[in-house]
Amino acid sequence: MAATQGLKFLESKGIPVTLHPYDYDPNAEAVGLAAAAALGIDPALMLKTLMVEVDGKPVCCVIPSDRQLSMKKVAEAFGGKSAAMMAVAAAEKLTGYKVGGISPFGPKRAVPVAIEVSACSAERVWINAGQRGLLLGIAPAQAKAALAAQAVALIA
């Protein structure tokens, strides 16, 4: 299995993770929920990485796969007036990852990151490792520290 940019980033920071490959389904209605089901993980602990624009500036939001972003809360979290999902092509160009495999770790261009606060009290969470069909298990505190992320309410 190839080391992704995300895994190289975490390794450079000395952060241990566990790897969890699964059969990626490109036709899944909700990729995060499909990944959680494939690995038998609680969807609240299977986090999805969403690329968003706040007042036209890129940011990254990491939330439980069974929840939806509140654009109002995202805008507030990043000190903006409005937020909108980033277009697929823009998200792929900015991160260097394909949608369905976007990781908050090791993107081509670093952007501010926020993690849903409700996920930060878990002992372990699962986040995309930077490739479709590959998750990494990590302690939320370590993910937050590695990303210099803020823990805030982001979900509707």
Protein backbone atom coordinates (compact mmCIF):
# COMPACT_ATOMS: atom_id res chain seq x y z
CA MET A 1 0.00 0.00 0.00
CA ALA A 2 1.48 3.30 -1.08
CA ALA A 3 2.25 5.87 1.60
CA THR A 4 -0.03 8.82 0.94
CA GLN A 5 0.91 12.45 1.54
CA GLY A 6 -1.32 12.32 4.62
CA LEU A 7 0.53 9.33 6.08
CA LYS A 8 3.92 10.91 5.32
CA PHE A 9 2.76 14.11 7.04
CA LEU A 10 1.72 12.24 10.20
CA GLU A 11 4.90 10.13 10.19
CA SER A 12 7.00 13.33 9.98
CA LYS A 13 5.26 14.49 13.18
CA GLY A 14 5.81 11.16 14.91
CA ILE A 15 2.09 10.48 15.24
CA PRO A 16 1.16 6.78 15.27
CA VAL A 17 -1.90 5.68 13.33
CA THR A 18 -3.52 2.39 12.39
CA LEU A 19 -4.43 1.70 8.76
CA HIS A 20 -7.81 0.34 7.73
CA PRO A 21 -8.23 -0.50 4.03
CA TYR A 22 -11.73 -1.24 2.73
CA ASP A 23 -13.46 -1.78 -0.62
CA TYR A 24 -14.29 1.73 -1.84
CA ASP A 25 -17.67 1.98 -3.58
CA PRO A 26 -17.67 4.92 -6.04
CA ASN A 27 -21.46 4.59 -6.34
CA ALA A 28 -22.17 4.82 -2.61
CA GLU A 29 -24.71 7.52 -1.77
CA ALA A 30 -22.62 8.48 1.28
CA VAL A 31 -18.97 7.43 1.06
CA GLY A 32 -18.31 7.95 4.79
CA LEU A 33 -21.30 5.84 5.82
CA ALA A 34 -20.32 3.12 3.34
CA ALA A 35 -16.77 3.09 4.78
CA ALA A 36 -18.12 2.90 8.34
CA ALA A 37 -20.37 -0.02 7.38
CA ALA A 38 -17.55 -1.82 5.53
CA LEU A 39 -15.30 -1.66 8.59
CA GLY A 40 -17.96 -2.01 11.28
CA ILE A 41 -17.17 1.44 12.71
CA ASP A 42 -19.72 3.67 14.47
CA PRO A 43 -20.61 6.37 11.86
CA ALA A 44 -20.22 9.02 14.59
CA LEU A 45 -16.52 8.03 14.85
CA MET A 46 -15.97 7.75 11.07
CA LEU A 47 -15.11 11.33 10.15
CA LYS A 48 -15.48 12.85 6.70
CA THR A 49 -13.30 15.63 5.34
CA LEU A 50 -15.21 18.45 3.64
CA MET A 51 -13.61 21.30 1.72
CA VAL A 52 -15.51 24.55 2.14
CA GLU A 53 -15.08 28.18 1.16
CA VAL A 54 -15.73 30.86 3.79
CA ASP A 55 -16.06 34.29 2.18
CA GLY A 56 -14.24 32.77 -0.83
CA LYS A 57 -11.29 31.43 1.21
CA PRO A 58 -10.66 27.67 1.47
CA VAL A 59 -11.05 25.84 4.78
CA CYS A 60 -11.32 22.21 5.82
CA CYS A 61 -14.05 20.77 8.07
CA VAL A 62 -13.86 17.30 9.65
CA ILE A 63 -17.19 15.98 10.91
CA PRO A 64 -18.90 12.65 11.73
CA SER A 65 -19.97 10.82 8.56
CA ASP A 66 -23.57 10.56 9.75
CA ARG A 67 -24.02 14.33 10.17
CA GLN A 68 -24.34 17.41 7.94
CA LEU A 69 -22.42 20.69 8.08
CA SER A 70 -24.16 23.84 9.20
CA MET A 71 -22.84 26.50 6.80
CA LYS A 72 -23.81 29.17 9.33
CA LYS A 73 -21.68 27.49 12.03
CA VAL A 74 -18.79 27.01 9.59
CA ALA A 75 -18.82 30.70 8.65
CA GLU A 76 -18.89 31.66 12.36
CA ALA A 77 -16.06 29.22 13.20
CA PHE A 78 -13.77 30.81 10.62
CA GLY A 79 -14.85 34.40 11.29
CA GLY A 80 -16.70 34.85 8.00
CA LYS A 81 -20.10 35.92 6.79
CA SER A 82 -20.97 33.02 4.48
CA ALA A 83 -19.82 29.49 3.69
CA ALA A 84 -20.39 27.15 0.74
CA MET A 85 -19.11 23.73 -0.30
CA MET A 86 -16.06 23.93 -2.54
CA ALA A 87 -16.47 22.65 -6.10
CA VAL A 88 -15.08 19.13 -6.63
CA ALA A 89 -12.42 20.25 -9.15
CA ALA A 90 -11.26 23.05 -6.83
CA ALA A 91 -11.10 20.71 -3.81
CA GLU A 92 -9.06 18.14 -5.76
CA LYS A 93 -6.66 20.78 -7.13
CA LEU A 94 -6.15 22.39 -3.71
CA THR A 95 -5.62 19.15 -1.76
CA GLY A 96 -3.97 16.93 -4.36
CA TYR A 97 -6.47 14.21 -3.38
CA LYS A 98 -9.46 12.80 -5.26
CA VAL A 99 -12.93 13.33 -3.79
CA GLY A 100 -13.74 10.20 -1.78
CA GLY A 101 -10.08 10.14 -0.70
CA ILE A 102 -9.57 13.67 0.65
CA SER A 103 -7.64 13.75 3.90
CA PRO A 104 -7.11 16.77 6.15
CA PHE A 105 -3.52 15.56 6.57
CA GLY A 106 -0.82 16.55 4.09
CA PRO A 107 -2.79 18.45 1.45
CA LYS A 108 -0.88 20.19 -1.35
CA ARG A 109 -1.87 23.51 0.18
CA ALA A 110 -2.46 23.79 3.92
CA VAL A 111 -5.68 25.56 4.92
CA PRO A 112 -7.28 26.27 8.31
CA VAL A 113 -8.98 23.17 9.76
CA ALA A 114 -11.87 22.74 12.18
CA ILE A 115 -12.96 19.44 13.74
CA GLU A 116 -16.48 18.90 15.06
CA VAL A 117 -16.18 19.25 18.83
CA SER A 118 -18.49 16.29 19.53
CA ALA A 119 -15.95 13.96 17.85
CA CYS A 120 -13.05 15.22 19.96
CA SER A 121 -14.09 13.39 23.14
CA ALA A 122 -13.81 9.95 21.52
CA GLU A 123 -10.85 7.75 22.31
CA ARG A 124 -10.23 7.10 18.61
CA VAL A 125 -11.67 8.30 15.31
CA TRP A 126 -11.22 7.18 11.71
CA ILE A 127 -10.35 9.66 8.97
CA ASN A 128 -9.43 9.25 5.30
CA ALA A 129 -5.70 8.59 4.87
CA GLY A 130 -5.54 10.32 1.48
CA GLN A 131 -6.67 7.58 -0.86
CA ARG A 132 -10.03 6.06 -1.71
CA GLY A 133 -10.50 2.88 0.30
CA LEU A 134 -7.96 3.71 3.04
CA LEU A 135 -8.78 5.06 6.49
CA LEU A 136 -6.48 5.80 9.39
CA GLY A 137 -7.32 5.44 13.06
CA ILE A 138 -6.05 8.26 15.28
CA ALA A 139 -6.72 9.82 18.67
CA PRO A 140 -8.71 13.05 18.09
CA ALA A 141 -6.30 15.05 20.28
CA GLN A 142 -3.40 13.96 18.06
CA ALA A 143 -5.32 14.81 14.88
CA LYS A 144 -6.20 18.22 16.31
CA ALA A 145 -2.59 18.91 17.32
CA ALA A 146 -1.15 17.74 13.97
CA LEU A 147 -3.54 19.98 12.05
CA ALA A 148 -3.41 22.92 14.48
CA ALA A 149 -7.17 22.58 14.22
CA GLN A 150 -9.86 24.21 16.28
CA ALA A 151 -12.55 22.04 17.90
CA VAL A 152 -15.88 23.78 17.31
CA ALA A 153 -19.55 23.01 16.69
CA LEU A 154 -19.90 22.55 12.92
CA ILE A 155 -22.90 20.28 12.48
CA ALA A 156 -26.54 21.16 11.87
